[in-house]
């Protein structure tokens, strides 16, 4: 069974940091681009970041640029989203998604992915 599992969410104060993990089971992540998305209550899903299968290309939404970093460890079959200087507006359920694209240096934050995780809650509040 192909599965993505996010972890690392939680409650953090403004200015704090969290690192989300996206682990795969049933398939190898090295051939997939990974996207990170979030959805806050009452809002549409938003693309946050992505990383190509080669790791050579990353994209960040303007709202997180300079604060979030995505990376991948193919040996561990895991992708990470390091989130620093968190703000209350970052509060949302965060999802990772895997997509197979023809080119290894492509990724997108527009939601063109094949497999999705169940999400992990991130709450930024004092």
PDB file of N, CA and C in Angstrom:
ATOM      1  N   UNK A   1       0.845  -1.188   0.000  1.00  0.00           N
ATOM      2  CA  UNK A   1       0.000   0.000   0.000  1.00  0.00           C
ATOM      3  C   UNK A   1       0.884   1.244   0.000  1.00  0.00           C
ATOM      4  N   UNK A   2       0.615   2.138  -0.929  1.00  0.00           N
ATOM      5  CA  UNK A   2       1.387   3.366  -1.033  1.00  0.00           C
ATOM      6  C   UNK A   2       0.861   4.371  -0.028  1.00  0.00           C
ATOM      7  N   UNK A   3       1.765   4.900   0.779  1.00  0.00           N
ATOM      8  CA  UNK A   3       1.320   5.781   1.855  1.00  0.00           C
ATOM      9  C   UNK A   3       2.355   6.854   2.154  1.00  0.00           C
ATOM     10  N   UNK A   4       1.867   8.060   2.440  1.00  0.00           N
ATOM     11  CA  UNK A   4       2.683   9.159   2.931  1.00  0.00           C
ATOM     12  C   UNK A   4       2.206   9.506   4.325  1.00  0.00           C
ATOM     13  N   UNK A   5       3.143   9.706   5.224  1.00  0.00           N
ATOM     14  CA  UNK A   5       2.783  10.036   6.600  1.00  0.00           C
ATOM     15  C   UNK A   5       3.570  11.261   7.040  1.00  0.00           C
ATOM     16  N   UNK A   6       2.835  12.307   7.428  1.00  0.00           N
ATOM     17  CA  UNK A   6       3.459  13.507   7.959  1.00  0.00           C
ATOM     18  C   UNK A   6       3.582  13.389   9.476  1.00  0.00           C
ATOM     19  N   UNK A   7       4.619  14.017  10.010  1.00  0.00           N
ATOM     20  CA  UNK A   7       4.790  14.097  11.462  1.00  0.00           C
ATOM     21  C   UNK A   7       5.551  15.364  11.800  1.00  0.00           C
ATOM     22  N   UNK A   8       5.561  15.695  13.077  1.00  0.00           N
ATOM     23  CA  UNK A   8       6.322  16.849  13.533  1.00  0.00           C
ATOM     24  C   UNK A   8       5.505  18.087  13.836  1.00  0.00           C
ATOM     25  N   UNK A   9       4.218  18.017  13.598  1.00  0.00           N
ATOM     26  CA  UNK A   9       3.381  19.165  13.917  1.00  0.00           C
ATOM     27  C   UNK A   9       3.207  19.333  15.415  1.00  0.00           C
ATOM     28  N   UNK A  10       2.593  20.439  15.791  1.00  0.00           N
ATOM     29  CA  UNK A  10       2.355  20.688  17.198  1.00  0.00           C
ATOM     30  C   UNK A  10       2.031  22.138  17.462  1.00  0.00           C
ATOM     31  N   UNK A  11       2.087  22.491  18.723  1.00  0.00           N
ATOM     32  CA  UNK A  11       1.823  23.855  19.172  1.00  0.00           C
ATOM     33  C   UNK A  11       3.150  24.548  19.439  1.00  0.00           C
ATOM     34  N   UNK A  12       3.306  25.731  18.878  1.00  0.00           N
ATOM     35  CA  UNK A  12       4.550  26.474  19.060  1.00  0.00           C
ATOM     36  C   UNK A  12       4.210  27.953  19.207  1.00  0.00           C
ATOM     37  N   UNK A  13       5.031  28.664  19.935  1.00  0.00           N
ATOM     38  CA  UNK A  13       4.824  30.099  20.105  1.00  0.00           C
ATOM     39  C   UNK A  13       5.305  30.864  18.871  1.00  0.00           C
ATOM     40  N   UNK A  14       4.762  32.026  18.633  1.00  0.00           N
ATOM     41  CA  UNK A  14       5.249  32.860  17.525  1.00  0.00           C
ATOM     42  C   UNK A  14       6.765  33.068  17.633  1.00  0.00           C
ATOM     43  N   UNK A  15       7.426  32.956  16.492  1.00  0.00           N
ATOM     44  CA  UNK A  15       8.874  33.045  16.464  1.00  0.00           C
ATOM     45  C   UNK A  15       9.574  31.715  16.633  1.00  0.00           C
ATOM     46  N   UNK A  16       8.831  30.687  16.974  1.00  0.00           N
ATOM     47  CA  UNK A  16       9.412  29.370  17.177  1.00  0.00           C
ATOM     48  C   UNK A  16       9.611  28.603  15.883  1.00  0.00           C
ATOM     49  N   UNK A  17      10.085  27.365  16.040  1.00  0.00           N
ATOM     50  CA  UNK A  17      10.400  26.532  14.881  1.00  0.00           C
ATOM     51  C   UNK A  17       9.802  25.140  15.040  1.00  0.00           C
ATOM     52  N   UNK A  18       9.535  24.538  13.910  1.00  0.00           N
ATOM     53  CA  UNK A  18       9.123  23.144  13.850  1.00  0.00           C
ATOM     54  C   UNK A  18       9.741  22.535  12.600  1.00  0.00           C
ATOM     55  N   UNK A  19       9.960  21.241  12.650  1.00  0.00           N
ATOM     56  CA  UNK A  19      10.392  20.527  11.454  1.00  0.00           C
ATOM     57  C   UNK A  19       9.389  19.417  11.169  1.00  0.00           C
ATOM     58  N   UNK A  20       8.757  19.517  10.026  1.00  0.00           N
ATOM     59  CA  UNK A  20       7.826  18.476   9.595  1.00  0.00           C
ATOM     60  C   UNK A  20       8.577  17.433   8.776  1.00  0.00           C
ATOM     61  N   UNK A  21       8.142  16.196   8.925  1.00  0.00           N
ATOM     62  CA  UNK A  21       8.692  15.094   8.143  1.00  0.00           C
ATOM     63  C   UNK A  21       7.592  14.471   7.308  1.00  0.00           C
ATOM     64  N   UNK A  22       7.972  13.999   6.158  1.00  0.00           N
ATOM     65  CA  UNK A  22       7.061  13.294   5.262  1.00  0.00           C
ATOM     66  C   UNK A  22       7.757  11.984   4.897  1.00  0.00           C
ATOM     67  N   UNK A  23       7.243  10.894   5.438  1.00  0.00           N
ATOM     68  CA  UNK A  23       7.845   9.591   5.200  1.00  0.00           C
ATOM     69  C   UNK A  23       6.958   8.751   4.295  1.00  0.00           C
ATOM     70  N   UNK A  24       7.583   7.988   3.439  1.00  0.00           N
ATOM     71  CA  UNK A  24       6.845   7.154   2.489  1.00  0.00           C
ATOM     72  C   UNK A  24       6.969   5.681   2.858  1.00  0.00           C
ATOM     73  N   UNK A  25       5.905   4.972   2.618  1.00  0.00           N
ATOM     74  CA  UNK A  25       5.941   3.508   2.741  1.00  0.00           C
ATOM     75  C   UNK A  25       5.271   2.918   1.511  1.00  0.00           C
ATOM     76  N   UNK A  26       5.815   1.815   1.060  1.00  0.00           N
ATOM     77  CA  UNK A  26       5.247   1.174  -0.107  1.00  0.00           C
ATOM     78  C   UNK A  26       5.811   1.658  -1.427  1.00  0.00           C
ATOM     79  N   UNK A  27       6.586   2.713  -1.396  1.00  0.00           N
ATOM     80  CA  UNK A  27       7.246   3.178  -2.618  1.00  0.00           C
ATOM     81  C   UNK A  27       8.460   4.021  -2.241  1.00  0.00           C
ATOM     82  N   UNK A  28       9.300   4.267  -3.239  1.00  0.00           N
ATOM     83  CA  UNK A  28      10.538   5.011  -3.010  1.00  0.00           C
ATOM     84  C   UNK A  28      10.355   6.453  -3.434  1.00  0.00           C
ATOM     85  N   UNK A  29      10.654   7.348  -2.506  1.00  0.00           N
ATOM     86  CA  UNK A  29      10.447   8.765  -2.771  1.00  0.00           C
ATOM     87  C   UNK A  29      11.444   9.365  -3.751  1.00  0.00           C
ATOM     88  N   UNK A  30      12.564   8.711  -3.965  1.00  0.00           N
ATOM     89  CA  UNK A  30      13.637   9.340  -4.732  1.00  0.00           C
ATOM     90  C   UNK A  30      13.205   9.704  -6.147  1.00  0.00           C
ATOM     91  N   UNK A  31      12.194   9.032  -6.670  1.00  0.00           N
ATOM     92  CA  UNK A  31      11.742   9.314  -8.034  1.00  0.00           C
ATOM     93  C   UNK A  31      10.602  10.331  -8.092  1.00  0.00           C
ATOM     94  N   UNK A  32      10.235  10.874  -6.954  1.00  0.00           N
ATOM     95  CA  UNK A  32       9.071  11.748  -6.880  1.00  0.00           C
ATOM     96  C   UNK A  32       9.431  13.148  -6.414  1.00  0.00           C
ATOM     97  N   UNK A  33       8.807  14.114  -7.040  1.00  0.00           N
ATOM     98  CA  UNK A  33       8.823  15.459  -6.473  1.00  0.00           C
ATOM     99  C   UNK A  33       7.852  15.490  -5.297  1.00  0.00           C
ATOM    100  N   UNK A  34       8.166  16.301  -4.320  1.00  0.00           N
ATOM    101  CA  UNK A  34       7.333  16.410  -3.123  1.00  0.00           C
ATOM    102  C   UNK A  34       6.864  17.840  -2.954  1.00  0.00           C
ATOM    103  N   UNK A  35       5.589  17.969  -2.721  1.00  0.00           N
ATOM    104  CA  UNK A  35       5.017  19.279  -2.436  1.00  0.00           C
ATOM    105  C   UNK A  35       4.511  19.334  -1.007  1.00  0.00           C
ATOM    106  N   UNK A  36       4.588  20.508  -0.425  1.00  0.00           N
ATOM    107  CA  UNK A  36       4.000  20.769   0.894  1.00  0.00           C
ATOM    108  C   UNK A  36       2.853  21.759   0.715  1.00  0.00           C
ATOM    109  N   UNK A  37       1.733  21.430   1.323  1.00  0.00           N
ATOM    110  CA  UNK A  37       0.548  22.262   1.220  1.00  0.00           C
ATOM    111  C   UNK A  37      -0.025  22.458   2.616  1.00  0.00           C
ATOM    112  N   UNK A  38      -0.844  23.464   2.769  1.00  0.00           N
ATOM    113  CA  UNK A  38      -1.501  23.688   4.056  1.00  0.00           C
ATOM    114  C   UNK A  38      -2.906  24.195   3.833  1.00  0.00           C
ATOM    115  N   UNK A  39      -3.738  23.935   4.815  1.00  0.00           N
ATOM    116  CA  UNK A  39      -5.110  24.418   4.756  1.00  0.00           C
ATOM    117  C   UNK A  39      -5.543  24.855   6.144  1.00  0.00           C
ATOM    118  N   UNK A  40      -5.884  26.122   6.242  1.00  0.00           N
ATOM    119  CA  UNK A  40      -6.380  26.685   7.491  1.00  0.00           C
ATOM    120  C   UNK A  40      -7.904  26.607   7.484  1.00  0.00           C
ATOM    121  N   UNK A  41      -8.528  26.612   8.668  1.00  0.00           N
ATOM    122  CA  UNK A  41      -9.991  26.545   8.730  1.00  0.00           C
ATOM    123  C   UNK A  41     -10.643  27.663   7.933  1.00  0.00           C
ATOM    124  N   UNK A  42     -11.568  27.298   7.079  1.00  0.00           N
ATOM    125  CA  UNK A  42     -12.289  28.286   6.302  1.00  0.00           C
ATOM    126  C   UNK A  42     -11.545  28.838   5.110  1.00  0.00           C
ATOM    127  N   UNK A  43     -10.361  28.308   4.851  1.00  0.00           N
ATOM    128  CA  UNK A  43      -9.564  28.810   3.726  1.00  0.00           C
ATOM    129  C   UNK A  43      -9.284  27.688   2.738  1.00  0.00           C
ATOM    130  N   UNK A  44      -8.930  28.085   1.526  1.00  0.00           N
ATOM    131  CA  UNK A  44      -8.570  27.105   0.524  1.00  0.00           C
ATOM    132  C   UNK A  44      -7.168  26.559   0.791  1.00  0.00           C
ATOM    133  N   UNK A  45      -6.921  25.388   0.248  1.00  0.00           N
ATOM    134  CA  UNK A  45      -5.592  24.808   0.356  1.00  0.00           C
ATOM    135  C   UNK A  45      -4.572  25.692  -0.351  1.00  0.00           C
ATOM    136  N   UNK A  46      -3.418  25.833   0.261  1.00  0.00           N
ATOM    137  CA  UNK A  46      -2.358  26.709  -0.265  1.00  0.00           C
ATOM    138  C   UNK A  46      -1.078  25.916  -0.454  1.00  0.00           C
ATOM    139  N   UNK A  47      -0.451  26.087  -1.590  1.00  0.00           N
ATOM    140  CA  UNK A  47       0.853  25.484  -1.811  1.00  0.00           C
ATOM    141  C   UNK A  47       1.910  26.255  -1.052  1.00  0.00           C
ATOM    142  N   UNK A  48       2.733  25.559  -0.301  1.00  0.00           N
ATOM    143  CA  UNK A  48       3.737  26.182   0.548  1.00  0.00           C
ATOM    144  C   UNK A  48       5.131  26.068  -0.054  1.00  0.00           C
ATOM    145  N   UNK A  49       5.477  24.856  -0.471  1.00  0.00           N
ATOM    146  CA  UNK A  49       6.827  24.611  -0.954  1.00  0.00           C
ATOM    147  C   UNK A  49       6.839  23.315  -1.746  1.00  0.00           C
ATOM    148  N   UNK A  50       7.896  23.135  -2.517  1.00  0.00           N
ATOM    149  CA  UNK A  50       8.083  21.852  -3.196  1.00  0.00           C
ATOM    150  C   UNK A  50       9.568  21.644  -3.453  1.00  0.00           C
ATOM    151  N   UNK A  51       9.911  20.378  -3.704  1.00  0.00           N
ATOM    152  CA  UNK A  51      11.289  20.029  -4.030  1.00  0.00           C
ATOM    153  C   UNK A  51      11.240  18.975  -5.122  1.00  0.00           C
ATOM    154  N   UNK A  52      12.086  19.148  -6.120  1.00  0.00           N
ATOM    155  CA  UNK A  52      12.111  18.199  -7.226  1.00  0.00           C
ATOM    156  C   UNK A  52      12.702  16.862  -6.778  1.00  0.00           C
ATOM    157  N   UNK A  53      12.541  15.844  -7.598  1.00  0.00           N
ATOM    158  CA  UNK A  53      13.055  14.522  -7.229  1.00  0.00           C
ATOM    159  C   UNK A  53      14.579  14.527  -7.105  1.00  0.00           C
ATOM    160  N   UNK A  54      15.234  15.341  -7.905  1.00  0.00           N
ATOM    161  CA  UNK A  54      16.697  15.429  -7.826  1.00  0.00           C
ATOM    162  C   UNK A  54      17.156  16.268  -6.645  1.00  0.00           C
ATOM    163  N   UNK A  55      16.242  17.052  -6.100  1.00  0.00           N
ATOM    164  CA  UNK A  55      16.605  17.977  -5.027  1.00  0.00           C
ATOM    165  C   UNK A  55      17.209  19.273  -5.527  1.00  0.00           C
ATOM    166  N   UNK A  56      17.340  19.407  -6.848  1.00  0.00           N
ATOM    167  CA  UNK A  56      18.029  20.574  -7.389  1.00  0.00           C
ATOM    168  C   UNK A  56      17.133  21.805  -7.476  1.00  0.00           C
ATOM    169  N   UNK A  57      15.835  21.602  -7.392  1.00  0.00           N
ATOM    170  CA  UNK A  57      14.927  22.734  -7.516  1.00  0.00           C
ATOM    171  C   UNK A  57      13.971  22.755  -6.336  1.00  0.00           C
ATOM    172  N   UNK A  58      13.838  23.931  -5.749  1.00  0.00           N
ATOM    173  CA  UNK A  58      12.851  24.151  -4.695  1.00  0.00           C
ATOM    174  C   UNK A  58      12.081  25.427  -5.008  1.00  0.00           C
ATOM    175  N   UNK A  59      10.848  25.437  -4.600  1.00  0.00           N
ATOM    176  CA  UNK A  59       9.970  26.598  -4.787  1.00  0.00           C
ATOM    177  C   UNK A  59       9.299  26.893  -3.457  1.00  0.00           C
ATOM    178  N   UNK A  60       9.141  28.178  -3.150  1.00  0.00           N
ATOM    179  CA  UNK A  60       8.481  28.589  -1.920  1.00  0.00           C
ATOM    180  C   UNK A  60       7.429  29.635  -2.235  1.00  0.00           C
ATOM    181  N   UNK A  61       6.319  29.539  -1.534  1.00  0.00           N
ATOM    182  CA  UNK A  61       5.320  30.594  -1.621  1.00  0.00           C
ATOM    183  C   UNK A  61       5.893  31.863  -1.006  1.00  0.00           C
ATOM    184  N   UNK A  62       5.448  32.991  -1.491  1.00  0.00           N
ATOM    185  CA  UNK A  62       5.950  34.264  -0.980  1.00  0.00           C
ATOM    186  C   UNK A  62       5.723  34.394   0.528  1.00  0.00           C
ATOM    187  N   UNK A  63       4.654  33.804   1.009  1.00  0.00           N
ATOM    188  CA  UNK A  63       4.294  33.950   2.422  1.00  0.00           C
ATOM    189  C   UNK A  63       5.281  33.239   3.357  1.00  0.00           C
ATOM    190  N   UNK A  64       6.073  32.302   2.822  1.00  0.00           N
ATOM    191  CA  UNK A  64       6.995  31.547   3.679  1.00  0.00           C
ATOM    192  C   UNK A  64       8.452  31.709   3.253  1.00  0.00           C
ATOM    193  N   UNK A  65       8.671  32.408   2.163  1.00  0.00           N
ATOM    194  CA  UNK A  65      10.033  32.547   1.637  1.00  0.00           C
ATOM    195  C   UNK A  65      10.943  33.178   2.677  1.00  0.00           C
ATOM    196  N   UNK A  66      12.115  32.581   2.864  1.00  0.00           N
ATOM    197  CA  UNK A  66      13.062  33.081   3.847  1.00  0.00           C
ATOM    198  C   UNK A  66      12.865  32.507   5.233  1.00  0.00           C
ATOM    199  N   UNK A  67      11.738  31.828   5.458  1.00  0.00           N
ATOM    200  CA  UNK A  67      11.463  31.237   6.775  1.00  0.00           C
ATOM    201  C   UNK A  67      11.393  29.710   6.719  1.00  0.00           C
ATOM    202  N   UNK A  68      10.928  29.169   5.605  1.00  0.00           N
ATOM    203  CA  UNK A  68      10.770  27.719   5.466  1.00  0.00           C
ATOM    204  C   UNK A  68      11.830  27.186   4.514  1.00  0.00           C
ATOM    205  N   UNK A  69      12.269  25.960   4.800  1.00  0.00           N
ATOM    206  CA  UNK A  69      13.226  25.282   3.933  1.00  0.00           C
ATOM    207  C   UNK A  69      12.811  23.826   3.777  1.00  0.00           C
ATOM    208  N   UNK A  70      12.759  23.371   2.544  1.00  0.00           N
ATOM    209  CA  UNK A  70      12.445  21.970   2.305  1.00  0.00           C
ATOM    210  C   UNK A  70      13.687  21.241   1.830  1.00  0.00           C
ATOM    211  N   UNK A  71      13.835  20.012   2.287  1.00  0.00           N
ATOM    212  CA  UNK A  71      14.991  19.202   1.923  1.00  0.00           C
ATOM    213  C   UNK A  71      14.562  17.747   1.868  1.00  0.00           C
ATOM    214  N   UNK A  72      15.429  16.931   1.309  1.00  0.00           N
ATOM    215  CA  UNK A  72      15.076  15.523   1.213  1.00  0.00           C
ATOM    216  C   UNK A  72      16.272  14.644   1.567  1.00  0.00           C
ATOM    217  N   UNK A  73      15.973  13.503   2.155  1.00  0.00           N
ATOM    218  CA  UNK A  73      16.983  12.507   2.486  1.00  0.00           C
ATOM    219  C   UNK A  73      16.494  11.204   1.853  1.00  0.00           C
ATOM    220  N   UNK A  74      16.970  10.936   0.667  1.00  0.00           N
ATOM    221  CA  UNK A  74      16.484   9.754  -0.059  1.00  0.00           C
ATOM    222  C   UNK A  74      16.881   8.452   0.641  1.00  0.00           C
ATOM    223  N   UNK A  75      17.981   8.468   1.354  1.00  0.00           N
ATOM    224  CA  UNK A  75      18.395   7.256   2.073  1.00  0.00           C
ATOM    225  C   UNK A  75      17.379   6.887   3.157  1.00  0.00           C
ATOM    226  N   UNK A  76      16.737   7.904   3.709  1.00  0.00           N
ATOM    227  CA  UNK A  76      15.727   7.676   4.743  1.00  0.00           C
ATOM    228  C   UNK A  76      14.314   7.682   4.161  1.00  0.00           C
ATOM    229  N   UNK A  77      14.230   7.899   2.837  1.00  0.00           N
ATOM    230  CA  UNK A  77      12.920   7.931   2.184  1.00  0.00           C
ATOM    231  C   UNK A  77      12.001   8.979   2.817  1.00  0.00           C
ATOM    232  N   UNK A  78      12.591  10.118   3.132  1.00  0.00           N
ATOM    233  CA  UNK A  78      11.884  11.143   3.893  1.00  0.00           C
ATOM    234  C   UNK A  78      12.199  12.528   3.333  1.00  0.00           C
ATOM    235  N   UNK A  79      11.198  13.389   3.378  1.00  0.00           N
ATOM    236  CA  UNK A  79      11.358  14.795   3.005  1.00  0.00           C
ATOM    237  C   UNK A  79      10.997  15.638   4.227  1.00  0.00           C
ATOM    238  N   UNK A  80      11.681  16.767   4.372  1.00  0.00           N
ATOM    239  CA  UNK A  80      11.496  17.608   5.543  1.00  0.00           C
ATOM    240  C   UNK A  80      11.056  19.014   5.145  1.00  0.00           C
ATOM    241  N   UNK A  81      10.330  19.629   6.041  1.00  0.00           N
ATOM    242  CA  UNK A  81       9.995  21.046   5.909  1.00  0.00           C
ATOM    243  C   UNK A  81      10.394  21.722   7.218  1.00  0.00           C
ATOM    244  N   UNK A  82      11.489  22.449   7.175  1.00  0.00           N
ATOM    245  CA  UNK A  82      11.942  23.209   8.345  1.00  0.00           C
ATOM    246  C   UNK A  82      11.242  24.550   8.347  1.00  0.00           C
ATOM    247  N   UNK A  83      10.555  24.835   9.428  1.00  0.00           N
ATOM    248  CA  UNK A  83       9.777  26.077   9.522  1.00  0.00           C
ATOM    249  C   UNK A  83      10.321  26.906  10.674  1.00  0.00           C
ATOM    250  N   UNK A  84      10.850  28.062  10.358  1.00  0.00           N
ATOM    251  CA  UNK A  84      11.417  28.964  11.355  1.00  0.00           C
ATOM    252  C   UNK A  84      10.601  30.249  11.421  1.00  0.00           C
ATOM    253  N   UNK A  85      10.790  30.973  12.511  1.00  0.00           N
ATOM    254  CA  UNK A  85      10.102  32.247  12.701  1.00  0.00           C
ATOM    255  C   UNK A  85       8.603  32.118  12.394  1.00  0.00           C
ATOM    256  N   UNK A  86       7.993  31.139  13.002  1.00  0.00           N
ATOM    257  CA  UNK A  86       6.588  30.862  12.727  1.00  0.00           C
ATOM    258  C   UNK A  86       5.688  31.992  13.194  1.00  0.00           C
ATOM    259  N   UNK A  87       4.620  32.209  12.454  1.00  0.00           N
ATOM    260  CA  UNK A  87       3.670  33.267  12.730  1.00  0.00           C
ATOM    261  C   UNK A  87       2.288  32.656  12.948  1.00  0.00           C
ATOM    262  N   UNK A  88       1.410  33.355  13.642  1.00  0.00           N
ATOM    263  CA  UNK A  88       0.055  32.812  13.839  1.00  0.00           C
ATOM    264  C   UNK A  88      -0.638  32.463  12.523  1.00  0.00           C
ATOM    265  N   UNK A  89      -0.361  33.209  11.482  1.00  0.00           N
ATOM    266  CA  UNK A  89      -0.996  32.926  10.194  1.00  0.00           C
ATOM    267  C   UNK A  89      -0.464  31.658   9.523  1.00  0.00           C
ATOM    268  N   UNK A  90       0.561  31.040  10.105  1.00  0.00           N
ATOM    269  CA  UNK A  90       1.037  29.754   9.603  1.00  0.00           C
ATOM    270  C   UNK A  90       0.212  28.590  10.156  1.00  0.00           C
ATOM    271  N   UNK A  91      -0.677  28.881  11.073  1.00  0.00           N
ATOM    272  CA  UNK A  91      -1.522  27.838  11.651  1.00  0.00           C
ATOM    273  C   UNK A  91      -2.387  27.178  10.581  1.00  0.00           C
ATOM    274  N   UNK A  92      -2.271  25.859  10.488  1.00  0.00           N
ATOM    275  CA  UNK A  92      -3.001  25.117   9.451  1.00  0.00           C
ATOM    276  C   UNK A  92      -2.689  23.630   9.609  1.00  0.00           C
ATOM    277  N   UNK A  93      -3.417  22.824   8.869  1.00  0.00           N
ATOM    278  CA  UNK A  93      -3.040  21.433   8.684  1.00  0.00           C
ATOM    279  C   UNK A  93      -2.100  21.375   7.491  1.00  0.00           C
ATOM    280  N   UNK A  94      -0.952  20.766   7.687  1.00  0.00           N
ATOM    281  CA  UNK A  94       0.061  20.679   6.645  1.00  0.00           C
ATOM    282  C   UNK A  94       0.068  19.274   6.039  1.00  0.00           C
ATOM    283  N   UNK A  95       0.116  19.252   4.721  1.00  0.00           N
ATOM    284  CA  UNK A  95       0.109  18.000   3.976  1.00  0.00           C
ATOM    285  C   UNK A  95       1.336  17.910   3.081  1.00  0.00           C
ATOM    286  N   UNK A  96       1.850  16.700   2.930  1.00  0.00           N
ATOM    287  CA  UNK A  96       2.843  16.482   1.888  1.00  0.00           C
ATOM    288  C   UNK A  96       2.196  15.645   0.789  1.00  0.00           C
ATOM    289  N   UNK A  97       2.744  15.784  -0.396  1.00  0.00           N
ATOM    290  CA  UNK A  97       2.215  15.072  -1.553  1.00  0.00           C
ATOM    291  C   UNK A  97       3.363  14.683  -2.467  1.00  0.00           C
ATOM    292  N   UNK A  98       3.228  13.548  -3.123  1.00  0.00           N
ATOM    293  CA  UNK A  98       4.266  13.039  -4.019  1.00  0.00           C
ATOM    294  C   UNK A  98       3.739  12.982  -5.439  1.00  0.00           C
ATOM    295  N   UNK A  99       4.562  13.438  -6.369  1.00  0.00           N
ATOM    296  CA  UNK A  99       4.173  13.420  -7.773  1.00  0.00           C
ATOM    297  C   UNK A  99       5.324  12.946  -8.641  1.00  0.00           C
ATOM    298  N   UNK A 100       4.983  12.133  -9.635  1.00  0.00           N
ATOM    299  CA  UNK A 100       6.002  11.660 -10.572  1.00  0.00           C
ATOM    300  C   UNK A 100       5.942  12.537 -11.814  1.00  0.00           C
ATOM    301  N   UNK A 101       7.048  13.196 -12.113  1.00  0.00           N
ATOM    302  CA  UNK A 101       7.141  14.063 -13.279  1.00  0.00           C
ATOM    303  C   UNK A 101       8.281  13.591 -14.170  1.00  0.00           C
ATOM    304  N   UNK A 102       8.177  13.917 -15.430  1.00  0.00           N
ATOM    305  CA  UNK A 102       9.154  13.413 -16.402  1.00  0.00           C
ATOM    306  C   UNK A 102      10.542  13.961 -16.160  1.00  0.00           C
ATOM    307  N   UNK A 103      10.634  15.193 -15.674  1.00  0.00           N
ATOM    308  CA  UNK A 103      11.955  15.768 -15.465  1.00  0.00           C
ATOM    309  C   UNK A 103      12.283  15.785 -13.982  1.00  0.00           C
ATOM    310  N   UNK A 104      13.517  15.482 -13.653  1.00  0.00           N
ATOM    311  CA  UNK A 104      13.915  15.357 -12.250  1.00  0.00           C
ATOM    312  C   UNK A 104      14.119  16.697 -11.566  1.00  0.00           C
ATOM    313  N   UNK A 105      14.101  17.793 -12.339  1.00  0.00           N
ATOM    314  CA  UNK A 105      14.293  19.094 -11.719  1.00  0.00           C
ATOM    315  C   UNK A 105      13.004  19.917 -11.743  1.00  0.00           C
ATOM    316  N   UNK A 106      11.872  19.224 -11.758  1.00  0.00           N
ATOM    317  CA  UNK A 106      10.588  19.916 -11.778  1.00  0.00           C
ATOM    318  C   UNK A 106       9.826  19.674 -10.489  1.00  0.00           C
ATOM    319  N   UNK A 107       9.153  20.706  -9.997  1.00  0.00           N
ATOM    320  CA  UNK A 107       8.165  20.537  -8.947  1.00  0.00           C
ATOM    321  C   UNK A 107       7.180  21.690  -9.055  1.00  0.00           C
ATOM    322  N   UNK A 108       6.104  21.612  -8.325  1.00  0.00           N
ATOM    323  CA  UNK A 108       5.055  22.619  -8.434  1.00  0.00           C
ATOM    324  C   UNK A 108       4.362  22.781  -7.099  1.00  0.00           C
ATOM    325  N   UNK A 109       3.866  23.981  -6.808  1.00  0.00           N
ATOM    326  CA  UNK A 109       3.050  24.198  -5.618  1.00  0.00           C
ATOM    327  C   UNK A 109       1.601  24.441  -6.020  1.00  0.00           C
ATOM    328  N   UNK A 110       1.245  23.884  -7.181  1.00  0.00           N
ATOM    329  CA  UNK A 110      -0.118  24.052  -7.686  1.00  0.00           C
ATOM    330  C   UNK A 110      -0.982  22.824  -7.508  1.00  0.00           C
ATOM    331  N   UNK A 111      -0.449  21.790  -6.851  1.00  0.00           N
ATOM    332  CA  UNK A 111      -1.301  20.655  -6.484  1.00  0.00           C
ATOM    333  C   UNK A 111      -1.361  19.527  -7.481  1.00  0.00           C
ATOM    334  N   UNK A 112      -0.399  19.422  -8.382  1.00  0.00           N
ATOM    335  CA  UNK A 112      -0.443  18.369  -9.410  1.00  0.00           C
ATOM    336  C   UNK A 112       0.241  17.101  -8.923  1.00  0.00           C
ATOM    337  N   UNK A 113      -0.276  16.506  -7.865  1.00  0.00           N
ATOM    338  CA  UNK A 113       0.393  15.385  -7.232  1.00  0.00           C
ATOM    339  C   UNK A 113      -0.485  14.153  -7.172  1.00  0.00           C
ATOM    340  N   UNK A 114       0.178  12.995  -7.089  1.00  0.00           N
ATOM    341  CA  UNK A 114      -0.525  11.723  -7.171  1.00  0.00           C
ATOM    342  C   UNK A 114      -0.915  11.155  -5.814  1.00  0.00           C
ATOM    343  N   UNK A 115      -0.066  11.330  -4.830  1.00  0.00           N
ATOM    344  CA  UNK A 115      -0.297  10.739  -3.514  1.00  0.00           C
ATOM    345  C   UNK A 115      -0.238  11.815  -2.447  1.00  0.00           C
ATOM    346  N   UNK A 116      -1.138  11.707  -1.486  1.00  0.00           N
ATOM    347  CA  UNK A 116      -1.256  12.707  -0.426  1.00  0.00           C
ATOM    348  C   UNK A 116      -1.249  12.040   0.936  1.00  0.00           C
ATOM    349  N   UNK A 117      -0.627  12.726   1.900  1.00  0.00           N
ATOM    350  CA  UNK A 117      -0.684  12.268   3.268  1.00  0.00           C
ATOM    351  C   UNK A 117      -1.957  12.740   3.953  1.00  0.00           C
ATOM    352  N   UNK A 118      -2.101  12.352   5.212  1.00  0.00           N
ATOM    353  CA  UNK A 118      -3.304  12.688   5.983  1.00  0.00           C
ATOM    354  C   UNK A 118      -3.206  14.041   6.674  1.00  0.00           C
ATOM    355  N   UNK A 119      -2.009  14.580   6.754  1.00  0.00           N
ATOM    356  CA  UNK A 119      -1.843  15.900   7.326  1.00  0.00           C
ATOM    357  C   UNK A 119      -1.400  15.889   8.776  1.00  0.00           C
ATOM    358  N   UNK A 120      -0.756  16.973   9.181  1.00  0.00           N
ATOM    359  CA  UNK A 120      -0.350  17.174  10.574  1.00  0.00           C
ATOM    360  C   UNK A 120      -0.673  18.610  10.954  1.00  0.00           C
ATOM    361  N   UNK A 121      -1.211  18.783  12.156  1.00  0.00           N
ATOM    362  CA  UNK A 121      -1.658  20.102  12.593  1.00  0.00           C
ATOM    363  C   UNK A 121      -0.478  20.926  13.114  1.00  0.00           C
ATOM    364  N   UNK A 122      -0.392  22.139  12.648  1.00  0.00           N
ATOM    365  CA  UNK A 122       0.567  23.116  13.166  1.00  0.00           C
ATOM    366  C   UNK A 122      -0.225  24.292  13.714  1.00  0.00           C
ATOM    367  N   UNK A 123       0.006  24.606  14.979  1.00  0.00           N
ATOM    368  CA  UNK A 123      -0.684  25.712  15.627  1.00  0.00           C
ATOM    369  C   UNK A 123       0.362  26.659  16.203  1.00  0.00           C
ATOM    370  N   UNK A 124       0.285  27.912  15.776  1.00  0.00           N
ATOM    371  CA  UNK A 124       1.211  28.936  16.249  1.00  0.00           C
ATOM    372  C   UNK A 124       0.422  29.920  17.101  1.00  0.00           C
ATOM    373  N   UNK A 125       0.694  29.902  18.384  1.00  0.00           N
ATOM    374  CA  UNK A 125      -0.093  30.729  19.299  1.00  0.00           C
ATOM    375  C   UNK A 125       0.683  30.940  20.587  1.00  0.00           C
ATOM    376  N   UNK A 126       0.463  32.109  21.175  1.00  0.00           N
ATOM    377  CA  UNK A 126       1.081  32.386  22.459  1.00  0.00           C
ATOM    378  C   UNK A 126       0.138  32.038  23.606  1.00  0.00           C
TER     379      UNK A 126
END
